[in-house]
C-alpha atoms as a PDB file:
ATOM      1  CA  MET A   1      97.645  47.932 150.972  1.00  0.00           C
ATOM      2  CA  GLU A   2      99.401  45.400 148.738  1.00  0.00           C
ATOM      3  CA  ALA A   3     102.960  46.205 147.735  1.00  0.00           C
ATOM      4  CA  GLU A   4     103.528  46.635 144.033  1.00  0.00           C
ATOM      5  CA  THR A   5     107.026  45.367 143.323  1.00  0.00           C
ATOM      6  CA  LEU A   6     108.099  41.757 143.782  1.00  0.00           C
ATOM      7  CA  ASN A   7     111.605  41.271 145.162  1.00  0.00           C
ATOM      8  CA  ILE A   8     113.262  38.224 143.634  1.00  0.00           C
ATOM      9  CA  GLY A   9     116.725  36.960 144.470  1.00  0.00           C
ATOM     10  CA  ILE A  10     118.792  34.921 142.028  1.00  0.00           C
ATOM     11  CA  LEU A  11     121.889  32.915 142.849  1.00  0.00           C
ATOM     12  CA  ASN A  12     123.650  33.104 139.498  1.00  0.00           C
ATOM     13  CA  ILE A  13     126.081  30.201 139.174  1.00  0.00           C
ATOM     14  CA  MET A  14     125.974  29.830 135.399  1.00  0.00           C
ATOM     15  CA  HIS A  15     129.191  29.945 133.362  1.00  0.00           C
ATOM     16  CA  ASP A  16     128.004  32.963 131.333  1.00  0.00           C
ATOM     17  CA  LYS A  17     126.884  35.134 134.225  1.00  0.00           C
ATOM     18  CA  SER A  18     126.432  38.378 132.313  1.00  0.00           C
ATOM     19  CA  ASP A  19     124.333  36.764 129.583  1.00  0.00           C
ATOM     20  CA  THR A  20     122.363  34.851 132.216  1.00  0.00           C
ATOM     21  CA  GLN A  21     121.423  38.051 134.000  1.00  0.00           C
ATOM     22  CA  LYS A  22     120.342  39.659 130.755  1.00  0.00           C
ATOM     23  CA  ARG A  23     118.121  36.637 130.043  1.00  0.00           C
ATOM     24  CA  PHE A  24     116.462  36.728 133.442  1.00  0.00           C
ATOM     25  CA  ALA A  25     116.073  40.498 133.249  1.00  0.00           C
ATOM     26  CA  PHE A  26     114.171  39.988 130.005  1.00  0.00           C
ATOM     27  CA  VAL A  27     111.863  37.180 131.119  1.00  0.00           C
ATOM     28  CA  LEU A  28     111.102  38.623 134.559  1.00  0.00           C
ATOM     29  CA  LYS A  29     110.736  42.289 133.751  1.00  0.00           C
ATOM     30  CA  GLN A  30     108.305  41.807 130.879  1.00  0.00           C
ATOM     31  CA  GLN A  31     105.664  40.736 133.410  1.00  0.00           C
ATOM     32  CA  SER A  32     102.649  42.883 134.276  1.00  0.00           C
ATOM     33  CA  THR A  33     103.775  42.862 137.918  1.00  0.00           C
ATOM     34  CA  PRO A  34     106.913  44.978 138.530  1.00  0.00           C
ATOM     35  CA  VAL A  35     109.897  42.873 139.558  1.00  0.00           C
ATOM     36  CA  LYS A  36     113.123  43.924 141.270  1.00  0.00           C
ATOM     37  CA  VAL A  37     115.886  41.355 140.877  1.00  0.00           C
ATOM     38  CA  THR A  38     118.950  41.034 143.109  1.00  0.00           C
ATOM     39  CA  TYR A  39     121.724  38.807 141.765  1.00  0.00           C
ATOM     40  CA  PHE A  40     124.048  36.974 144.129  1.00  0.00           C
ATOM     41  CA  TYR A  41     127.214  34.911 143.800  1.00  0.00           C
ATOM     42  CA  PRO A  42     128.425  32.256 146.303  1.00  0.00           C
ATOM     43  CA  THR A  43     131.169  33.740 148.455  1.00  0.00           C
ATOM     44  CA  MET A  44     132.822  30.382 149.201  1.00  0.00           C
ATOM     45  CA  HIS A  45     133.665  29.946 145.536  1.00  0.00           C
ATOM     46  CA  TYR A  46     136.110  32.843 145.785  1.00  0.00           C
ATOM     47  CA  GLN A  47     137.752  32.099 149.116  1.00  0.00           C
ATOM     48  CA  GLY A  48     141.438  32.971 148.989  1.00  0.00           C
ATOM     49  CA  ARG A  49     141.185  34.801 145.682  1.00  0.00           C
ATOM     50  CA  THR A  50     139.805  38.030 144.292  1.00  0.00           C
ATOM     51  CA  VAL A  51     136.275  38.063 142.956  1.00  0.00           C
ATOM     52  CA  PRO A  52     136.459  38.756 139.200  1.00  0.00           C
ATOM     53  CA  GLU A  53     135.651  42.385 138.425  1.00  0.00           C
ATOM     54  CA  GLU A  54     132.797  41.475 136.067  1.00  0.00           C
ATOM     55  CA  ILE A  55     131.077  39.336 138.715  1.00  0.00           C
ATOM     56  CA  ALA A  56     131.579  41.912 141.476  1.00  0.00           C
ATOM     57  CA  HIS A  57     130.143  44.573 139.168  1.00  0.00           C
ATOM     58  CA  ILE A  58     126.934  42.766 138.226  1.00  0.00           C
ATOM     59  CA  SER A  59     126.120  40.821 141.396  1.00  0.00           C
ATOM     60  CA  GLU A  60     126.475  40.770 145.181  1.00  0.00           C
ATOM     61  CA  PRO A  61     127.990  38.266 147.605  1.00  0.00           C
ATOM     62  CA  LEU A  62     125.313  35.924 148.918  1.00  0.00           C
ATOM     63  CA  ASP A  63     123.883  37.687 151.975  1.00  0.00           C
ATOM     64  CA  PHE A  64     121.395  35.667 154.010  1.00  0.00           C
ATOM     65  CA  LEU A  65     119.968  38.796 155.639  1.00  0.00           C
ATOM     66  CA  LYS A  66     119.080  40.109 152.177  1.00  0.00           C
ATOM     67  CA  VAL A  67     117.674  36.730 151.162  1.00  0.00           C
ATOM     68  CA  LYS A  68     115.207  37.041 154.049  1.00  0.00           C
ATOM     69  CA  LYS A  69     113.743  40.141 152.386  1.00  0.00           C
ATOM     70  CA  MET A  70     112.941  38.358 149.108  1.00  0.00           C
ATOM     71  CA  ASP A  71     109.464  37.372 147.942  1.00  0.00           C
ATOM     72  CA  ALA A  72     110.886  34.495 145.889  1.00  0.00           C
ATOM     73  CA  PHE A  73     114.225  33.012 144.968  1.00  0.00           C
ATOM     74  CA  ILE A  74     115.801  31.367 141.909  1.00  0.00           C
ATOM     75  CA  VAL A  75     118.894  29.162 141.796  1.00  0.00           C
ATOM     76  CA  THR A  76     120.251  28.859 138.266  1.00  0.00           C
ATOM     77  CA  GLY A  77     121.917  25.971 136.554  1.00  0.00           C
ATOM     78  CA  ALA A  78     125.683  25.476 136.622  1.00  0.00           C
ATOM     79  CA  PRO A  79     128.194  23.455 134.577  1.00  0.00           C
ATOM     80  CA  LEU A  80     128.668  21.038 137.474  1.00  0.00           C
ATOM     81  CA  GLU A  81     126.770  17.901 136.471  1.00  0.00           C
ATOM     82  CA  LYS A  82     129.995  15.872 136.387  1.00  0.00           C
ATOM     83  CA  VAL A  83     131.019  17.004 139.881  1.00  0.00           C
ATOM     84  CA  ASP A  84     129.796  15.310 143.050  1.00  0.00           C
ATOM     85  CA  PHE A  85     127.729  17.660 145.193  1.00  0.00           C
ATOM     86  CA  LEU A  86     130.133  17.324 148.132  1.00  0.00           C
ATOM     87  CA  ASP A  87     133.019  18.390 145.872  1.00  0.00           C
ATOM     88  CA  VAL A  88     131.391  21.673 144.848  1.00  0.00           C
ATOM     89  CA  THR A  89     133.478  24.447 146.412  1.00  0.00           C
ATOM     90  CA  TYR A  90     130.441  26.262 147.788  1.00  0.00           C
ATOM     91  CA  TRP A  91     128.265  23.259 148.717  1.00  0.00           C
ATOM     92  CA  ASN A  92     128.102  24.246 152.402  1.00  0.00           C
ATOM     93  CA  GLU A  93     126.892  27.685 151.389  1.00  0.00           C
ATOM     94  CA  MET A  94     124.290  26.140 149.092  1.00  0.00           C
ATOM     95  CA  GLN A  95     123.015  23.969 151.932  1.00  0.00           C
ATOM     96  CA  ARG A  96     122.638  26.994 154.202  1.00  0.00           C
ATOM     97  CA  LEU A  97     120.715  28.746 151.445  1.00  0.00           C
ATOM     98  CA  PHE A  98     118.400  25.758 150.916  1.00  0.00           C
ATOM     99  CA  GLN A  99     117.701  25.550 154.643  1.00  0.00           C
ATOM    100  CA  LEU A 100     116.903  29.258 154.830  1.00  0.00           C
ATOM    101  CA  LEU A 101     114.612  29.234 151.799  1.00  0.00           C
ATOM    102  CA  GLN A 102     112.664  26.309 153.222  1.00  0.00           C
ATOM    103  CA  LYS A 103     112.325  28.131 156.550  1.00  0.00           C
ATOM    104  CA  LEU A 104     111.185  31.338 154.822  1.00  0.00           C
ATOM    105  CA  ASP A 105     108.540  29.320 152.938  1.00  0.00           C
ATOM    106  CA  ILE A 106     108.775  31.527 149.841  1.00  0.00           C
ATOM    107  CA  PRO A 107     108.436  30.342 146.224  1.00  0.00           C
ATOM    108  CA  GLN A 108     111.649  28.709 145.025  1.00  0.00           C
ATOM    109  CA  LEU A 109     112.540  27.995 141.406  1.00  0.00           C
ATOM    110  CA  TYR A 110     115.493  25.664 140.902  1.00  0.00           C
ATOM    111  CA  ILE A 111     116.796  25.285 137.346  1.00  0.00           C
ATOM    112  CA  CYS A 112     118.799  22.425 135.774  1.00  0.00           C
ATOM    113  CA  TRP A 113     121.821  21.750 138.051  1.00  0.00           C
ATOM    114  CA  GLY A 114     120.199  23.953 140.687  1.00  0.00           C
ATOM    115  CA  ALA A 115     117.181  21.636 140.525  1.00  0.00           C
ATOM    116  CA  MET A 116     119.387  18.561 140.854  1.00  0.00           C
ATOM    117  CA  ALA A 117     121.215  20.021 143.849  1.00  0.00           C
ATOM    118  CA  ALA A 118     118.051  21.144 145.642  1.00  0.00           C
ATOM    119  CA  ALA A 119     116.165  17.886 145.042  1.00  0.00           C
ATOM    120  CA  ASN A 120     119.170  15.976 146.344  1.00  0.00           C
ATOM    121  CA  PHE A 121     119.402  18.160 149.456  1.00  0.00           C
ATOM    122  CA  PHE A 122     115.703  18.236 150.312  1.00  0.00           C
ATOM    123  CA  TYR A 123     114.680  14.729 149.259  1.00  0.00           C
ATOM    124  CA  GLY A 124     117.833  12.680 148.745  1.00  0.00           C
ATOM    125  CA  ILE A 125     117.218  12.174 145.003  1.00  0.00           C
ATOM    126  CA  GLU A 126     120.365  10.852 143.344  1.00  0.00           C
ATOM    127  CA  LYS A 127     122.060  12.416 140.325  1.00  0.00           C
ATOM    128  CA  GLN A 128     123.054  10.048 137.524  1.00  0.00           C
ATOM    129  CA  MET A 129     125.247  10.709 134.509  1.00  0.00           C
ATOM    130  CA  LEU A 130     123.693  10.383 131.059  1.00  0.00           C
ATOM    131  CA  ALA A 131     125.403   8.345 128.368  1.00  0.00           C
ATOM    132  CA  HIS A 132     125.378  11.445 126.158  1.00  0.00           C
ATOM    133  CA  LYS A 133     124.616  15.106 126.755  1.00  0.00           C
ATOM    134  CA  LEU A 134     120.956  15.985 126.373  1.00  0.00           C
ATOM    135  CA  PHE A 135     121.261  19.035 124.146  1.00  0.00           C
ATOM    136  CA  GLY A 136     118.636  20.696 121.992  1.00  0.00           C
ATOM    137  CA  ILE A 137     114.971  21.582 121.653  1.00  0.00           C
ATOM    138  CA  TYR A 138     112.454  18.870 122.450  1.00  0.00           C
ATOM    139  CA  LYS A 139     108.706  18.498 122.756  1.00  0.00           C
ATOM    140  CA  GLN A 140     107.377  17.939 126.267  1.00  0.00           C
ATOM    141  CA  LYS A 141     104.759  15.479 127.544  1.00  0.00           C
ATOM    142  CA  LEU A 142     102.416  16.617 130.324  1.00  0.00           C
ATOM    143  CA  PHE A 143     101.620  13.950 132.938  1.00  0.00           C
ATOM    144  CA  THR A 144      99.860  15.887 135.686  1.00  0.00           C
ATOM    145  CA  GLU A 145      98.251  19.308 135.530  1.00  0.00           C
ATOM    146  CA  SER A 146     100.369  22.174 136.745  1.00  0.00           C
ATOM    147  CA  LYS A 147      99.416  25.816 137.173  1.00  0.00           C
ATOM    148  CA  LEU A 148     102.836  26.698 135.801  1.00  0.00           C
ATOM    149  CA  LEU A 149     102.013  25.029 132.481  1.00  0.00           C
ATOM    150  CA  GLU A 150      98.524  26.468 132.043  1.00  0.00           C
ATOM    151  CA  GLY A 151      97.955  27.807 128.551  1.00  0.00           C
ATOM    152  CA  LEU A 152     100.667  25.710 126.910  1.00  0.00           C
ATOM    153  CA  PRO A 153      99.643  23.466 123.991  1.00  0.00           C
ATOM    154  CA  ARG A 154     100.209  19.727 123.815  1.00  0.00           C
ATOM    155  CA  GLY A 155     103.782  19.028 122.754  1.00  0.00           C
ATOM    156  CA  PHE A 156     105.148  22.456 123.723  1.00  0.00           C
ATOM    157  CA  THR A 157     108.888  22.805 123.187  1.00  0.00           C
ATOM    158  CA  ALA A 158     111.733  23.612 125.557  1.00  0.00           C
ATOM    159  CA  PRO A 159     115.554  23.724 125.490  1.00  0.00           C
ATOM    160  CA  HIS A 160     117.546  21.109 127.443  1.00  0.00           C
ATOM    161  CA  ALA A 161     121.299  21.169 128.002  1.00  0.00           C
ATOM    162  CA  ARG A 162     122.763  18.802 130.575  1.00  0.00           C
ATOM    163  CA  TYR A 163     125.001  15.808 131.173  1.00  0.00           C
ATOM    164  CA  ALA A 164     123.045  14.319 134.079  1.00  0.00           C
ATOM    165  CA  GLU A 165     119.564  13.372 135.223  1.00  0.00           C
ATOM    166  CA  LEU A 166     117.886  12.679 138.531  1.00  0.00           C
ATOM    167  CA  ASN A 167     116.675   9.196 139.412  1.00  0.00           C
ATOM    168  CA  HIS A 168     113.078   8.962 138.127  1.00  0.00           C
ATOM    169  CA  LYS A 169     112.202   5.974 140.313  1.00  0.00           C
ATOM    170  CA  GLN A 170     113.240   7.785 143.481  1.00  0.00           C
ATOM    171  CA  ILE A 171     111.156  10.807 142.510  1.00  0.00           C
ATOM    172  CA  SER A 172     108.087   8.692 141.693  1.00  0.00           C
ATOM    173  CA  GLU A 173     108.368   6.847 144.991  1.00  0.00           C
ATOM    174  CA  ASN A 174     108.761  10.029 147.028  1.00  0.00           C
ATOM    175  CA  LYS A 175     105.373  11.043 148.446  1.00  0.00           C
ATOM    176  CA  ASN A 176     106.446  14.683 148.558  1.00  0.00           C
ATOM    177  CA  LEU A 177     107.314  15.040 144.865  1.00  0.00           C
ATOM    178  CA  GLU A 178     105.394  14.844 141.612  1.00  0.00           C
ATOM    179  CA  ILE A 179     106.687  14.658 138.051  1.00  0.00           C
ATOM    180  CA  LYS A 180     104.599  17.099 136.030  1.00  0.00           C
ATOM    181  CA  ALA A 181     106.149  16.685 132.590  1.00  0.00           C
ATOM    182  CA  LEU A 182     108.886  14.849 130.722  1.00  0.00           C
ATOM    183  CA  SER A 183     110.548  15.536 127.406  1.00  0.00           C
ATOM    184  CA  GLU A 184     109.796  13.398 124.364  1.00  0.00           C
ATOM    185  CA  THR A 185     113.106  11.680 125.149  1.00  0.00           C
ATOM    186  CA  ASN A 186     111.720  10.778 128.605  1.00  0.00           C
ATOM    187  CA  HIS A 187     114.000  13.147 130.468  1.00  0.00           C
ATOM    188  CA  LEU A 188     112.757  15.373 133.283  1.00  0.00           C
ATOM    189  CA  PHE A 189     111.168  18.683 132.433  1.00  0.00           C
ATOM    190  CA  LEU A 190     109.226  19.742 135.533  1.00  0.00           C
ATOM    191  CA  VAL A 191     108.955  18.340 139.054  1.00  0.00           C
ATOM    192  CA  GLU A 192     107.056  20.057 141.865  1.00  0.00           C
ATOM    193  CA  ALA A 193     106.926  19.542 145.609  1.00  0.00           C
ATOM    194  CA  LYS A 194     103.431  18.775 146.878  1.00  0.00           C
ATOM    195  CA  SER A 195     103.532  20.640 150.180  1.00  0.00           C
ATOM    196  CA  GLU A 196     106.425  23.080 149.705  1.00  0.00           C
ATOM    197  CA  PRO A 197     106.657  26.057 147.308  1.00  0.00           C
ATOM    198  CA  GLN A 198     109.494  24.362 145.440  1.00  0.00           C
ATOM    199  CA  VAL A 199     109.672  24.024 141.663  1.00  0.00           C
ATOM    200  CA  PHE A 200     112.362  21.960 139.941  1.00  0.00           C
ATOM    201  CA  LEU A 201     112.718  22.958 136.286  1.00  0.00           C
ATOM    202  CA  PHE A 202     115.177  20.899 134.253  1.00  0.00           C
ATOM    203  CA  ALA A 203     114.939  22.878 131.009  1.00  0.00           C
ATOM    204  CA  HIS A 204     116.641  26.234 130.470  1.00  0.00           C
ATOM    205  CA  LEU A 205     113.488  28.211 129.745  1.00  0.00           C
ATOM    206  CA  GLU A 206     115.351  31.443 130.435  1.00  0.00           C
ATOM    207  CA  TYR A 207     117.514  30.827 127.347  1.00  0.00           C
ATOM    208  CA  GLY A 208     117.159  33.252 124.461  1.00  0.00           C
ATOM    209  CA  SER A 209     117.380  32.338 120.793  1.00  0.00           C
ATOM    210  CA  ASP A 210     121.208  32.265 120.650  1.00  0.00           C
ATOM    211  CA  ALA A 211     121.959  30.572 124.002  1.00  0.00           C
ATOM    212  CA  LEU A 212     122.375  27.006 122.754  1.00  0.00           C
ATOM    213  CA  ALA A 213     124.669  28.165 119.958  1.00  0.00           C
ATOM    214  CA  LYS A 214     126.810  30.053 122.486  1.00  0.00           C
ATOM    215  CA  GLU A 215     126.927  27.030 124.782  1.00  0.00           C
ATOM    216  CA  TYR A 216     128.132  24.801 121.970  1.00  0.00           C
ATOM    217  CA  GLN A 217     130.821  27.314 120.972  1.00  0.00           C
ATOM    218  CA  ARG A 218     131.955  27.615 124.594  1.00  0.00           C
ATOM    219  CA  GLU A 219     132.409  23.847 124.876  1.00  0.00           C
ATOM    220  CA  LEU A 220     134.112  23.702 121.479  1.00  0.00           C
ATOM    221  CA  LYS A 221     136.593  26.342 122.628  1.00  0.00           C
ATOM    222  CA  ALA A 222     137.164  24.572 125.943  1.00  0.00           C
ATOM    223  CA  TYR A 223     137.597  21.106 124.379  1.00  0.00           C
ATOM    224  CA  PRO A 224     138.873  21.585 120.801  1.00  0.00           C
ATOM    225  CA  ASP A 225     140.277  18.046 120.753  1.00  0.00           C
ATOM    226  CA  GLN A 226     136.748  16.693 121.279  1.00  0.00           C
ATOM    227  CA  ALA A 227     135.123  18.594 118.422  1.00  0.00           C
ATOM    228  CA  ALA A 228     134.151  15.405 116.607  1.00  0.00           C
ATOM    229  CA  ILE A 229     132.229  14.003 119.580  1.00  0.00           C
ATOM    230  CA  LEU A 230     130.780  17.098 121.234  1.00  0.00           C
ATOM    231  CA  ALA A 231     126.990  17.090 121.281  1.00  0.00           C
ATOM    232  CA  LYS A 232     125.374  19.559 118.886  1.00  0.00           C
ATOM    233  CA  PRO A 233     122.017  21.162 119.708  1.00  0.00           C
ATOM    234  CA  GLN A 234     119.245  19.098 118.135  1.00  0.00           C
ATOM    235  CA  ASN A 235     116.043  20.478 116.559  1.00  0.00           C
ATOM    236  CA  TYR A 236     117.485  23.974 116.838  1.00  0.00           C
ATOM    237  CA  TYR A 237     118.841  25.086 113.460  1.00  0.00           C
ATOM    238  CA  GLU A 238     117.007  25.567 110.197  1.00  0.00           C
ATOM    239  CA  ASP A 239     120.218  24.327 108.584  1.00  0.00           C
ATOM    240  CA  PHE A 240     121.622  21.687 110.941  1.00  0.00           C
ATOM    241  CA  ALA A 241     124.414  20.599 108.585  1.00  0.00           C
ATOM    242  CA  GLN A 242     125.857  24.111 108.559  1.00  0.00           C
ATOM    243  CA  MET A 243     124.588  24.934 112.074  1.00  0.00           C
ATOM    244  CA  LYS A 244     122.957  28.130 110.867  1.00  0.00           C
ATOM    245  CA  ASN A 245     119.736  30.021 111.588  1.00  0.00           C
ATOM    246  CA  PRO A 246     118.654  28.951 115.082  1.00  0.00           C
ATOM    247  CA  ILE A 247     114.891  28.824 115.631  1.00  0.00           C
ATOM    248  CA  PHE A 248     113.474  30.341 118.840  1.00  0.00           C
ATOM    249  CA  SER A 249     110.689  27.754 118.979  1.00  0.00           C
ATOM    250  CA  TRP A 250     110.283  27.839 122.781  1.00  0.00           C
ATOM    251  CA  ALA A 251     109.427  31.558 122.999  1.00  0.00           C
ATOM    252  CA  ASP A 252     105.785  30.921 123.935  1.00  0.00           C
ATOM    253  CA  THR A 253     106.786  28.301 126.506  1.00  0.00           C
ATOM    254  CA  GLN A 254     109.188  30.791 128.067  1.00  0.00           C
ATOM    255  CA  THR A 255     106.631  33.585 128.192  1.00  0.00           C
ATOM    256  CA  LEU A 256     103.801  31.516 129.670  1.00  0.00           C
ATOM    257  CA  PHE A 257     105.904  29.635 132.204  1.00  0.00           C
ATOM    258  CA  PHE A 258     107.454  32.745 133.732  1.00  0.00           C
ATOM    259  CA  LYS A 259     104.131  34.575 133.603  1.00  0.00           C
ATOM    260  CA  ASN A 260     102.495  31.741 135.529  1.00  0.00           C
ATOM    261  CA  TRP A 261     105.359  31.554 138.022  1.00  0.00           C
ATOM    262  CA  ILE A 262     105.295  35.299 138.687  1.00  0.00           C
ATOM    263  CA  LEU A 263     101.522  35.095 139.233  1.00  0.00           C
ATOM    264  CA  GLN A 264     102.111  32.379 141.822  1.00  0.00           C
ATOM    265  CA  VAL A 265     104.789  34.476 143.533  1.00  0.00           C
ATOM    266  CA  LYS A 266     102.483  37.501 143.633  1.00  0.00           C
ATOM    267  CA  LYS A 267      99.590  35.444 144.971  1.00  0.00           C
ATOM    268  CA  GLU A 268     101.771  34.012 147.730  1.00  0.00           C
ATOM    269  CA  ARG A 269     103.256  37.399 148.620  1.00  0.00           C
ATOM    270  CA  ASP A 270      99.842  39.138 148.715  1.00  0.00           C
ATOM    271  CA  SER A 271      98.373  36.353 150.819  1.00  0.00           C
ATOM    272  CA  LYS A 272     101.137  36.782 153.402  1.00  0.00           C
ATOM    273  CA  LEU A 273     100.677  40.555 153.406  1.00  0.00           C
ATOM    274  CA  ARG A 274      96.959  40.211 154.078  1.00  0.00           C
ATOM    275  CA  LYS A 275      97.598  37.660 156.802  1.00  0.00           C
ATOM    276  CA  ASN A 276     100.209  39.837 158.506  1.00  0.00           C
ATOM    277  CA  SER A 277      97.983  42.909 158.190  1.00  0.00           C
ATOM    278  CA  GLY A 278      95.128  41.084 159.878  1.00  0.00           C
ATOM    279  CA  MET A 279      97.374  40.117 162.764  1.00  0.00           C
ATOM    280  CA  LEU A 280      98.372  43.724 163.520  1.00  0.00           C
END
């Protein structure tokens, strides 16, 4: 008999961890298939210091035994584009996680910096800094059919927010990877592995309507002396001059993408259950 609930693990390394978990709770739990989500944080990041109460309250230390029980796994973005991978405090822990997920052969969704880190680890794709932050809502161009993008119209929109990009030439020349879609600005949107259940999503499709506004305000607070040069989210506000009335134009993209991904996870999980049942 096929199990009902999908168990999905998420390594939450975003700056706004509480908001991030609320966003994923919304997009994953509105699916027709029940989903149980377990949120983890990297333990190495807090070596020698106390884990903040908020983080300890809403998530668990990364436990590889628990990861083995998951039907799928998500690694979020992180504000680390300007940091070399080897300088990330929990890079060794990330590498162990990547190795385990590949061994488990379960669906993996890597988002933004998580996608950069995973593609670098698995395939050696280099991260390169952009001249300016890619920040805003952009139309996307489909290059190769993807089951994850089924049902989306031509020129569907998605939110991007990052300071770096992966090397397109290295991806195109890698026989194991395929670029599925780019933004209208020719930045990566979706890359998929051909023979592994790995998805590299470079847009923040989990973002709700206010997420870009909050990100801009966070950076403004962190770097008040750079207010004049900080990137503002493009194609996002009805009134850009006053930065008022954000438009949630990627809602349909969000809904369809996560619906399609959950369907893939369920199909993979049910296939393994049938296979294991037949072997008993």
